[in-house]
Amino acid sequence: MEEIHTNINNMTKNKITFSKSKKKKVEGLFKEINITQDGGLLIAKEIDKKYGFSKLVADTIKDKRNKHYIKHQTKEIIEQRVLGILGGYEDLNDHKEISKDGHFQTLIGKEERLASSSTLSRFENSISTNDIHKLLIKMIENFVDRHETRPNKIVLDFDPTDYLVHGEQEKRFYHGYYGGYCFLPMHVFSGDELVATLLKPSSGDGTKYTGAMLKLIVNRIRERWPDMRIVFRGDAGFARKHVLHWCENNKVEYVVGIGGNRVLQRRVEKEMKGMIFKQRESGVDQKRYLSLQYKAGTWKKERRVIAKLEASATGSNMRFLVTNNICDDAEDMYKNNYCPRGDMENKIKQLKLDLKGSRVSAHSFTANQYRNFISGIAYIILTTVRKKLLQGTELAKSYCSQIMLKLFKIGAIFIKRKTKITYLFSNNFPFKHLFCSAMEKLALE
């Protein structure tokens, strides 16, 4: 086939002429026809409707608008925003066109124009700090409710990340480590599931509010399962005495990184020297795990510390973690109980990049906290789609971006009649089998 270029000289208002393909003319016509590239969002809408994620947010937020002048209900605004993010339209300006889009009107269940960018902006700027607090609690409760059966244990991975900002947002501060003005949201995951997310300023301790969030989560879990085994996991920034002390007093296991200070280094110095000598003699890399008792200056008692020692041709390395687990051996604790927390970084990247959680460009800090929550709800919908509808398929372990591209970005013609709306999908759609399989499983839910 010949390379095709648009012939600008042959363009009219409703018709475009392209260069020929073989000997055939190629034309483009603009017609009054309903077409969408987001046909797969019908699946996301069904999941949201079934499990009530948008409704949860709408029921939690106090609507401060005069009800006599309301055209767009709170739930409709939430759905429009969440489905927009799932379709790749994270910017409020995108809703200038979305509000007129017949497909999105169908998703929201309206015949008339949806909320404009200005309406969405006014709504998110009406969010209060009390609303944010309630949303945090509801998100945690929803995490517990999403469990259909009682798990053997629940591991809670805590980690902050940076959301760089480029405007004059409230409570944005320069952070030396990240090299720019940013916020530091705290994310809590349990496996693939998002437990909670909270946008924080970057002016103070990156682990601030860890104790309060951990207490909220543990209390909600224990309300349902009083004897549940709960594990708190984090990097060295979370090795705070008050957090460790609270865990011990509330029967919560912890596996937390700890900085390798001179005292700890001296404790393993003899072992490390022996490993370095052995590596040089044999040329084989050495690795060992040790368990020892250690009491930091601010601790009231000794705690178990696991040391990972490595010696290779490129040098030596020491890593330490502190835990109140006294049953598992040192190697098992480090490799199987601590190292899996690294996968949490992949979940944060999906929330931050795929679902645009870092799009915190509103001036109001509470409005940006709300945006962070909305991206969190979009993430929860996607993980529910993956868990409920995509198991056993090639997307069973896919990133959010792949699901959005292969399952949600489906071109379709839709025909609106008085009593029904019909969507016409291409029979040649390459992921038709995924779409049909997902809808079959959804029908069985």
Protein backbone atom coordinates (compact mmCIF):
# COMPACT_ATOMS: atom_id res chain seq x y z
CA MET A 1 0.00 0.00 0.00
CA GLU A 2 1.29 3.44 -0.90
CA GLU A 3 2.13 5.85 1.87
CA ILE A 4 -0.91 8.02 2.54
CA HIS A 5 -0.71 11.77 3.04
CA THR A 6 -3.52 14.27 3.53
CA ASN A 7 -4.08 16.46 0.48
CA ILE A 8 -4.68 19.82 2.12
CA ASN A 9 -5.76 21.42 -1.16
CA ASN A 10 -8.62 18.91 -1.51
CA MET A 11 -10.14 19.51 1.94
CA THR A 12 -13.66 20.85 2.31
CA LYS A 13 -15.68 21.45 5.47
CA ASN A 14 -17.05 17.88 5.64
CA LYS A 15 -14.76 15.96 3.31
CA ILE A 16 -11.03 15.17 3.20
CA THR A 17 -9.31 13.58 0.21
CA PHE A 18 -6.21 11.47 0.84
CA SER A 19 -3.68 10.07 -1.61
CA LYS A 20 -4.74 6.91 -3.42
CA SER A 21 -4.31 3.41 -2.04
CA LYS A 22 -3.29 1.38 -5.10
CA LYS A 23 -5.78 2.76 -7.64
CA LYS A 24 -8.57 3.46 -5.18
CA LYS A 25 -9.55 6.90 -3.96
CA VAL A 26 -9.36 7.46 -0.20
CA GLU A 27 -11.81 9.94 1.33
CA GLY A 28 -12.78 11.03 4.82
CA LEU A 29 -16.22 12.33 5.66
CA PHE A 30 -17.48 14.18 8.73
CA LYS A 31 -21.01 12.93 9.45
CA GLU A 32 -23.57 13.41 12.21
CA ILE A 33 -23.01 9.98 13.73
CA ASN A 34 -22.38 8.87 17.32
CA ILE A 35 -18.92 7.32 17.58
CA THR A 36 -16.76 6.76 20.67
CA GLN A 37 -13.26 5.47 21.26
CA ASP A 38 -14.06 4.57 24.88
CA GLY A 39 -16.64 1.80 24.42
CA GLY A 40 -14.93 -0.42 26.99
CA LEU A 41 -15.74 2.03 29.77
CA LEU A 42 -19.13 0.33 29.84
CA ILE A 43 -17.37 -2.46 31.76
CA ALA A 44 -15.85 0.00 34.24
CA LYS A 45 -19.28 1.57 34.71
CA GLU A 46 -20.85 -1.84 35.46
CA ILE A 47 -18.18 -2.63 38.05
CA ASP A 48 -18.58 0.78 39.67
CA LYS A 49 -22.35 0.38 39.76
CA LYS A 50 -22.19 -3.14 41.20
CA TYR A 51 -19.72 -2.37 43.98
CA GLY A 52 -20.73 1.23 44.61
CA PHE A 53 -17.31 2.89 44.63
CA SER A 54 -18.47 6.27 43.28
CA LYS A 55 -21.59 6.08 45.43
CA LEU A 56 -19.38 5.59 48.50
CA VAL A 57 -17.60 8.88 47.76
CA ALA A 58 -20.85 10.71 46.97
CA ASP A 59 -22.51 9.52 50.18
CA THR A 60 -19.48 10.60 52.23
CA ILE A 61 -19.08 14.16 50.91
CA LYS A 62 -21.38 16.81 52.30
CA ASP A 63 -22.92 18.67 49.35
CA LYS A 64 -22.90 22.36 50.27
CA ARG A 65 -24.68 23.54 47.12
CA ASN A 66 -28.18 25.03 47.17
CA LYS A 67 -30.35 22.03 46.26
CA HIS A 68 -32.84 24.25 44.43
CA TYR A 69 -30.20 25.09 41.81
CA ILE A 70 -28.53 21.69 41.42
CA LYS A 71 -28.48 20.25 37.89
CA HIS A 72 -25.80 17.63 38.44
CA GLN A 73 -26.06 15.31 41.44
CA THR A 74 -22.96 14.56 43.51
CA LYS A 75 -22.86 10.92 42.40
CA GLU A 76 -23.01 11.99 38.74
CA ILE A 77 -20.10 14.39 39.23
CA ILE A 78 -18.02 11.67 40.93
CA GLU A 79 -18.80 9.15 38.19
CA GLN A 80 -17.97 11.63 35.45
CA ARG A 81 -14.62 12.41 37.05
CA VAL A 82 -13.67 8.78 37.77
CA LEU A 83 -14.69 7.45 34.36
CA GLY A 84 -12.86 10.37 32.77
CA ILE A 85 -9.65 9.30 34.50
CA LEU A 86 -10.19 5.68 33.43
CA GLY A 87 -10.59 6.90 29.87
CA GLY A 88 -7.37 8.93 30.03
CA TYR A 89 -9.07 12.32 30.52
CA GLU A 90 -7.61 13.39 33.83
CA ASP A 91 -7.56 17.12 33.15
CA LEU A 92 -10.61 19.20 34.09
CA ASN A 93 -10.33 20.99 30.74
CA ASP A 94 -11.07 17.65 29.04
CA HIS A 95 -14.60 17.82 30.41
CA LYS A 96 -15.40 20.77 28.19
CA GLU A 97 -15.86 18.17 25.44
CA ILE A 98 -16.79 15.21 27.64
CA SER A 99 -19.81 17.10 28.95
CA LYS A 100 -21.22 17.10 25.38
CA ASP A 101 -20.20 13.51 24.59
CA GLY A 102 -23.15 11.18 24.02
CA HIS A 103 -21.22 8.12 25.20
CA PHE A 104 -20.30 9.68 28.53
CA GLN A 105 -23.89 10.83 28.93
CA THR A 106 -24.92 7.20 28.51
CA LEU A 107 -22.34 6.09 31.10
CA ILE A 108 -23.65 8.61 33.62
CA GLY A 109 -27.28 7.91 32.74
CA LYS A 110 -28.28 11.33 31.46
CA GLU A 111 -29.74 12.64 28.21
CA GLU A 112 -28.64 16.22 28.65
CA ARG A 113 -25.27 17.90 28.97
CA LEU A 114 -23.00 16.73 31.80
CA ALA A 115 -21.16 18.90 34.33
CA SER A 116 -18.83 21.44 32.77
CA SER A 117 -15.18 21.97 33.71
CA SER A 118 -16.23 24.99 35.79
CA THR A 119 -18.87 22.99 37.68
CA LEU A 120 -16.37 20.23 38.45
CA SER A 121 -13.83 22.83 39.60
CA ARG A 122 -16.34 24.54 41.91
CA PHE A 123 -17.33 21.18 43.34
CA GLU A 124 -13.79 20.03 44.17
CA ASN A 125 -13.01 23.42 45.70
CA SER A 126 -16.00 23.02 48.03
CA ILE A 127 -14.45 19.91 49.61
CA SER A 128 -13.63 20.38 53.31
CA THR A 129 -10.98 18.87 55.56
CA ASN A 130 -13.75 17.00 57.35
CA ASP A 131 -14.81 15.46 54.01
CA ILE A 132 -11.23 14.27 53.44
CA HIS A 133 -11.11 12.66 56.89
CA LYS A 134 -14.39 10.86 56.28
CA LEU A 135 -13.23 9.72 52.83
CA LEU A 136 -10.09 8.22 54.37
CA ILE A 137 -12.16 6.23 56.86
CA LYS A 138 -14.62 5.06 54.18
CA MET A 139 -11.77 3.96 51.90
CA ILE A 140 -10.33 1.85 54.72
CA GLU A 141 -13.74 0.34 55.51
CA ASN A 142 -14.23 -0.44 51.83
CA PHE A 143 -10.89 -2.28 51.76
CA VAL A 144 -12.14 -4.56 54.54
CA ASP A 145 -15.51 -5.04 52.81
CA ARG A 146 -13.84 -6.07 49.54
CA HIS A 147 -12.66 -9.30 51.19
CA GLU A 148 -15.15 -12.04 50.34
CA THR A 149 -13.43 -14.56 52.61
CA ARG A 150 -11.28 -14.23 55.69
CA PRO A 151 -7.57 -13.96 54.73
CA ASN A 152 -4.89 -15.79 56.71
CA LYS A 153 -3.10 -12.51 57.36
CA ILE A 154 -3.11 -8.92 56.14
CA VAL A 155 0.19 -7.23 55.27
CA LEU A 156 0.07 -3.42 55.22
CA ASP A 157 2.76 -1.75 53.11
CA PHE A 158 3.29 1.94 53.87
CA ASP A 159 5.27 4.25 51.62
CA PRO A 160 5.27 7.95 50.71
CA THR A 161 6.10 9.24 47.25
CA ASP A 162 6.54 12.62 45.59
CA TYR A 163 3.99 14.50 43.50
CA LEU A 164 5.97 17.33 41.89
CA VAL A 165 3.99 20.55 41.41
CA HIS A 166 4.63 23.47 39.06
CA GLY A 167 2.31 26.19 40.34
CA GLU A 168 1.51 28.14 43.48
CA GLN A 169 -0.53 25.42 45.18
CA GLU A 170 -1.32 25.72 48.87
CA LYS A 171 1.07 23.83 51.18
CA ARG A 172 3.60 23.08 48.47
CA PHE A 173 7.17 23.21 49.71
CA TYR A 174 10.60 22.61 48.26
CA HIS A 175 11.99 19.16 49.05
CA GLY A 176 15.75 18.76 48.83
CA TYR A 177 15.71 15.00 48.25
CA TYR A 178 13.28 15.17 45.32
CA GLY A 179 14.79 18.41 44.03
CA GLY A 180 11.60 20.40 43.54
CA TYR A 181 8.34 21.68 45.00
CA CYS A 182 6.05 18.77 45.74
CA PHE A 183 3.51 17.01 47.93
CA LEU A 184 4.27 13.76 49.76
CA PRO A 185 1.20 11.50 49.67
CA MET A 186 1.15 8.45 51.91
CA HIS A 187 -0.05 5.27 50.20
CA VAL A 188 -1.01 2.05 51.98
CA PHE A 189 -1.32 -1.16 49.95
CA SER A 190 -2.08 -4.76 50.83
CA GLY A 191 -0.91 -6.82 47.89
CA ASP A 192 -2.60 -5.32 44.83
CA GLU A 193 -5.32 -3.65 46.89
CA LEU A 194 -5.20 0.04 47.76
CA VAL A 195 -6.06 0.37 51.46
CA ALA A 196 -5.74 4.14 51.86
CA THR A 197 -4.12 7.21 50.34
CA LEU A 198 -3.62 10.63 51.88
CA LEU A 199 -2.03 13.69 50.28
CA LYS A 200 0.37 15.47 52.66
CA PRO A 201 2.57 18.58 52.47
CA SER A 202 6.29 17.97 51.92
CA SER A 203 7.40 20.39 54.65
CA GLY A 204 7.76 17.86 57.45
CA ASP A 205 8.46 14.23 58.15
CA GLY A 206 7.59 12.05 55.17
CA THR A 207 6.18 9.39 57.50
CA LYS A 208 3.95 11.80 59.43
CA TYR A 209 0.50 10.41 60.29
CA THR A 210 1.76 6.82 59.95
CA GLY A 211 0.72 5.98 63.52
CA ALA A 212 -2.74 7.52 63.11
CA MET A 213 -3.38 5.79 59.75
CA LEU A 214 -2.11 2.46 61.05
CA LYS A 215 -4.38 2.69 64.08
CA LEU A 216 -7.41 3.49 61.90
CA ILE A 217 -6.72 0.56 59.58
CA VAL A 218 -5.99 -1.97 62.32
CA ASN A 219 -9.09 -0.98 64.28
CA ARG A 220 -11.32 -1.41 61.20
CA ILE A 221 -9.80 -4.81 60.42
CA ARG A 222 -10.14 -5.99 64.01
CA GLU A 223 -13.78 -4.89 64.14
CA ARG A 224 -14.47 -7.60 61.56
CA TRP A 225 -11.76 -10.11 62.49
CA PRO A 226 -10.66 -9.56 66.13
CA ASP A 227 -7.86 -12.14 65.96
CA MET A 228 -6.54 -11.27 62.49
CA ARG A 229 -2.78 -11.49 62.05
CA ILE A 230 -1.69 -8.05 60.80
CA VAL A 231 1.82 -7.18 59.57
CA PHE A 232 3.06 -3.59 59.26
CA ARG A 233 5.84 -3.21 56.69
CA GLY A 234 7.90 -0.21 55.64
CA ASP A 235 11.37 1.09 54.85
CA ALA A 236 13.82 2.64 57.31
CA GLY A 237 11.83 5.88 57.49
CA PHE A 238 9.13 4.06 59.46
CA ALA A 239 11.40 2.72 62.21
CA ARG A 240 9.98 5.19 64.75
CA LYS A 241 9.86 4.17 68.39
CA HIS A 242 6.23 5.22 68.92
CA VAL A 243 5.09 3.17 65.90
CA LEU A 244 7.04 0.07 67.00
CA HIS A 245 5.80 0.47 70.55
CA TRP A 246 2.17 0.79 69.43
CA CYS A 247 2.48 -2.34 67.27
CA GLU A 248 3.87 -4.35 70.19
CA ASN A 249 1.07 -3.20 72.51
CA ASN A 250 -1.63 -4.02 69.93
CA LYS A 251 -0.42 -7.40 68.69
CA VAL A 252 0.64 -6.12 65.27
CA GLU A 253 3.73 -7.64 63.69
CA TYR A 254 6.21 -5.25 62.11
CA VAL A 255 8.99 -5.75 59.58
CA VAL A 256 10.70 -2.40 59.07
CA GLY A 257 14.02 -1.35 57.60
CA ILE A 258 16.52 0.33 59.87
CA GLY A 259 19.60 2.41 59.09
CA GLY A 260 22.96 0.74 59.44
CA ASN A 261 24.63 2.86 62.14
CA ARG A 262 28.11 2.34 63.54
CA VAL A 263 26.90 0.19 66.43
CA LEU A 264 25.21 -2.29 64.11
CA GLN A 265 28.14 -2.25 61.72
CA ARG A 266 30.52 -3.12 64.56
CA ARG A 267 28.26 -6.00 65.60
CA VAL A 268 28.64 -7.67 62.21
CA GLU A 269 32.16 -6.42 61.39
CA LYS A 270 33.90 -9.73 62.16
CA GLU A 271 31.47 -11.72 60.02
CA MET A 272 31.76 -9.19 57.20
CA LYS A 273 35.56 -9.33 57.14
CA GLY A 274 35.45 -13.13 56.97
CA MET A 275 33.06 -12.99 54.02
CA ILE A 276 35.22 -10.47 52.16
CA PHE A 277 38.31 -12.67 52.65
CA LYS A 278 36.44 -15.77 51.50
CA GLN A 279 35.13 -13.99 48.40
CA ARG A 280 38.60 -12.84 47.42
CA GLU A 281 40.01 -16.33 47.94
CA SER A 282 37.30 -18.19 46.04
CA GLY A 283 36.00 -15.54 43.65
CA VAL A 284 32.47 -16.58 44.63
CA ASP A 285 30.02 -13.95 45.87
CA GLN A 286 29.08 -14.35 49.54
CA LYS A 287 25.73 -13.66 51.19
CA ARG A 288 24.59 -14.30 54.77
CA TYR A 289 21.71 -13.42 57.05
CA LEU A 290 22.17 -12.88 60.78
CA SER A 291 19.78 -12.38 63.67
CA LEU A 292 20.85 -10.29 66.65
CA GLN A 293 19.42 -8.34 69.57
CA TYR A 294 19.87 -4.58 69.49
CA LYS A 295 18.73 -1.64 71.60
CA ALA A 296 18.84 1.83 70.05
CA GLY A 297 19.48 4.80 72.32
CA THR A 298 15.83 5.90 72.23
CA TRP A 299 14.39 2.39 72.73
CA LYS A 300 13.36 1.11 76.14
CA LYS A 301 14.22 -2.48 75.31
CA GLU A 302 16.14 -4.70 72.92
CA ARG A 303 14.52 -5.71 69.64
CA ARG A 304 15.33 -8.33 67.05
CA VAL A 305 17.38 -7.04 64.11
CA ILE A 306 18.03 -8.99 60.92
CA ALA A 307 21.27 -8.26 59.06
CA LYS A 308 21.85 -9.06 55.40
CA LEU A 309 25.55 -9.14 54.52
CA GLU A 310 26.95 -9.33 50.98
CA ALA A 311 30.49 -9.51 49.63
CA SER A 312 31.17 -9.50 45.90
CA ALA A 313 33.81 -8.42 43.39
CA THR A 314 32.28 -4.95 43.36
CA GLY A 315 32.41 -4.49 47.14
CA SER A 316 30.48 -5.21 50.33
CA ASN A 317 26.99 -4.27 51.45
CA MET A 318 25.07 -4.34 54.74
CA ARG A 319 21.28 -4.04 55.19
CA PHE A 320 19.28 -4.17 58.39
CA LEU A 321 15.67 -4.52 59.45
CA VAL A 322 13.91 -4.64 62.82
CA THR A 323 11.04 -7.00 63.61
CA ASN A 324 9.04 -8.43 66.49
CA ASN A 325 8.67 -11.75 64.65
CA ILE A 326 10.71 -14.24 66.65
CA CYS A 327 9.62 -17.41 64.83
CA ASP A 328 11.00 -17.20 61.28
CA ASP A 329 14.73 -17.58 60.62
CA ALA A 330 16.80 -14.60 59.50
CA GLU A 331 16.94 -15.47 55.78
CA ASP A 332 13.23 -16.21 55.54
CA MET A 333 12.39 -12.97 57.35
CA TYR A 334 14.45 -10.88 54.96
CA LYS A 335 13.72 -12.60 51.65
CA ASN A 336 10.08 -13.64 52.08
CA ASN A 337 8.69 -11.23 54.68
CA TYR A 338 10.49 -7.97 53.88
CA CYS A 339 11.70 -7.94 50.26
CA PRO A 340 8.20 -8.39 48.70
CA ARG A 341 7.40 -4.84 49.81
CA GLY A 342 9.44 -3.68 46.81
CA ASP A 343 6.53 -4.63 44.54
CA MET A 344 4.56 -1.82 46.16
CA GLU A 345 6.60 0.61 44.06
CA ASN A 346 4.91 -0.80 40.95
CA LYS A 347 1.48 -0.14 42.47
CA ILE A 348 2.45 3.45 43.31
CA LYS A 349 3.68 4.00 39.74
CA GLN A 350 0.32 2.84 38.37
CA LEU A 351 -1.59 5.13 40.70
CA LYS A 352 0.76 8.03 40.07
CA LEU A 353 1.39 7.70 36.33
CA ASP A 354 -1.34 5.53 34.76
CA LEU A 355 -4.20 7.06 36.74
CA LYS A 356 -2.63 10.51 37.06
CA GLY A 357 -2.75 10.65 40.85
CA SER A 358 0.00 13.27 40.62
CA ARG A 359 -2.26 15.70 38.70
CA VAL A 360 -2.66 17.92 41.77
CA SER A 361 -2.78 21.29 40.01
CA ALA A 362 -5.68 22.86 41.93
CA HIS A 363 -4.77 25.82 44.13
CA SER A 364 -6.64 24.54 47.19
CA PHE A 365 -4.87 21.82 49.17
CA THR A 366 -8.13 20.06 50.09
CA ALA A 367 -9.14 20.09 46.41
CA ASN A 368 -5.88 18.34 45.60
CA GLN A 369 -6.49 15.84 48.41
CA TYR A 370 -9.85 15.12 46.79
CA ARG A 371 -8.18 14.62 43.40
CA ASN A 372 -5.80 12.15 45.01
CA PHE A 373 -8.78 10.20 46.41
CA ILE A 374 -10.57 10.17 43.05
CA SER A 375 -7.49 8.66 41.38
CA GLY A 376 -7.48 6.12 44.21
CA ILE A 377 -11.10 5.18 43.44
CA ALA A 378 -10.18 4.77 39.75
CA TYR A 379 -7.33 2.45 40.81
CA ILE A 380 -9.70 0.39 42.98
CA ILE A 381 -12.13 0.00 40.05
CA LEU A 382 -9.32 -1.19 37.79
CA THR A 383 -7.98 -3.70 40.32
CA THR A 384 -11.53 -4.98 40.80
CA VAL A 385 -11.88 -5.41 37.01
CA ARG A 386 -8.59 -7.32 36.97
CA LYS A 387 -9.50 -9.48 39.98
CA LYS A 388 -13.10 -10.26 39.02
CA LEU A 389 -13.07 -10.28 35.22
CA LEU A 390 -9.54 -10.87 33.92
CA GLN A 391 -8.27 -13.87 35.88
CA GLY A 392 -7.05 -16.57 33.52
CA THR A 393 -6.45 -14.09 30.68
CA GLU A 394 -3.33 -12.35 29.35
CA LEU A 395 -4.32 -9.25 31.33
CA ALA A 396 -4.51 -11.05 34.69
CA LYS A 397 -1.30 -9.39 35.89
CA SER A 398 -1.26 -6.35 33.62
CA TYR A 399 -0.60 -2.78 34.66
CA CYS A 400 -3.54 -0.39 34.75
CA SER A 401 -2.35 1.29 31.55
CA GLN A 402 -2.60 -1.98 29.62
CA ILE A 403 -6.13 -2.66 30.82
CA MET A 404 -7.16 0.89 29.92
CA LEU A 405 -5.64 0.53 26.45
CA LYS A 406 -6.76 -3.00 25.55
CA LEU A 407 -10.10 -3.23 27.32
CA PHE A 408 -11.44 0.32 27.63
CA LYS A 409 -10.19 1.94 24.39
CA ILE A 410 -12.67 0.31 22.03
CA GLY A 411 -14.09 2.15 19.06
CA ALA A 412 -17.86 1.83 18.69
CA ILE A 413 -20.86 3.37 16.98
CA PHE A 414 -23.80 3.89 19.30
CA ILE A 415 -27.39 4.42 18.23
CA LYS A 416 -29.79 6.14 20.59
CA ARG A 417 -33.46 5.26 20.26
CA LYS A 418 -36.41 6.12 22.43
CA THR A 419 -36.38 2.86 24.37
CA LYS A 420 -32.81 1.59 24.01
CA ILE A 421 -29.20 2.43 23.16
CA THR A 422 -27.30 0.05 20.88
CA TYR A 423 -23.50 -0.14 20.64
CA LEU A 424 -21.93 -1.53 17.47
CA PHE A 425 -18.44 -2.92 18.01
CA SER A 426 -16.12 -4.09 15.25
CA ASN A 427 -16.02 -7.85 14.80
CA ASN A 428 -12.31 -7.44 14.01
CA PHE A 429 -11.47 -5.84 17.34
CA PRO A 430 -8.20 -7.65 18.32
CA PHE A 431 -9.21 -8.04 21.98
CA LYS A 432 -12.80 -9.07 21.34
CA HIS A 433 -12.25 -12.30 23.28
CA LEU A 434 -11.16 -10.34 26.37
CA PHE A 435 -14.14 -8.02 26.17
CA CYS A 436 -16.64 -10.86 25.72
CA SER A 437 -15.03 -12.93 28.46
CA ALA A 438 -15.18 -9.99 30.87
CA MET A 439 -18.85 -9.37 30.10
CA GLU A 440 -19.68 -13.08 30.58
CA LYS A 441 -18.02 -13.09 34.00
CA LEU A 442 -19.74 -9.83 34.89
CA ALA A 443 -23.10 -11.39 34.05
CA LEU A 444 -22.34 -14.21 36.49
CA GLU A 445 -21.34 -11.86 39.32
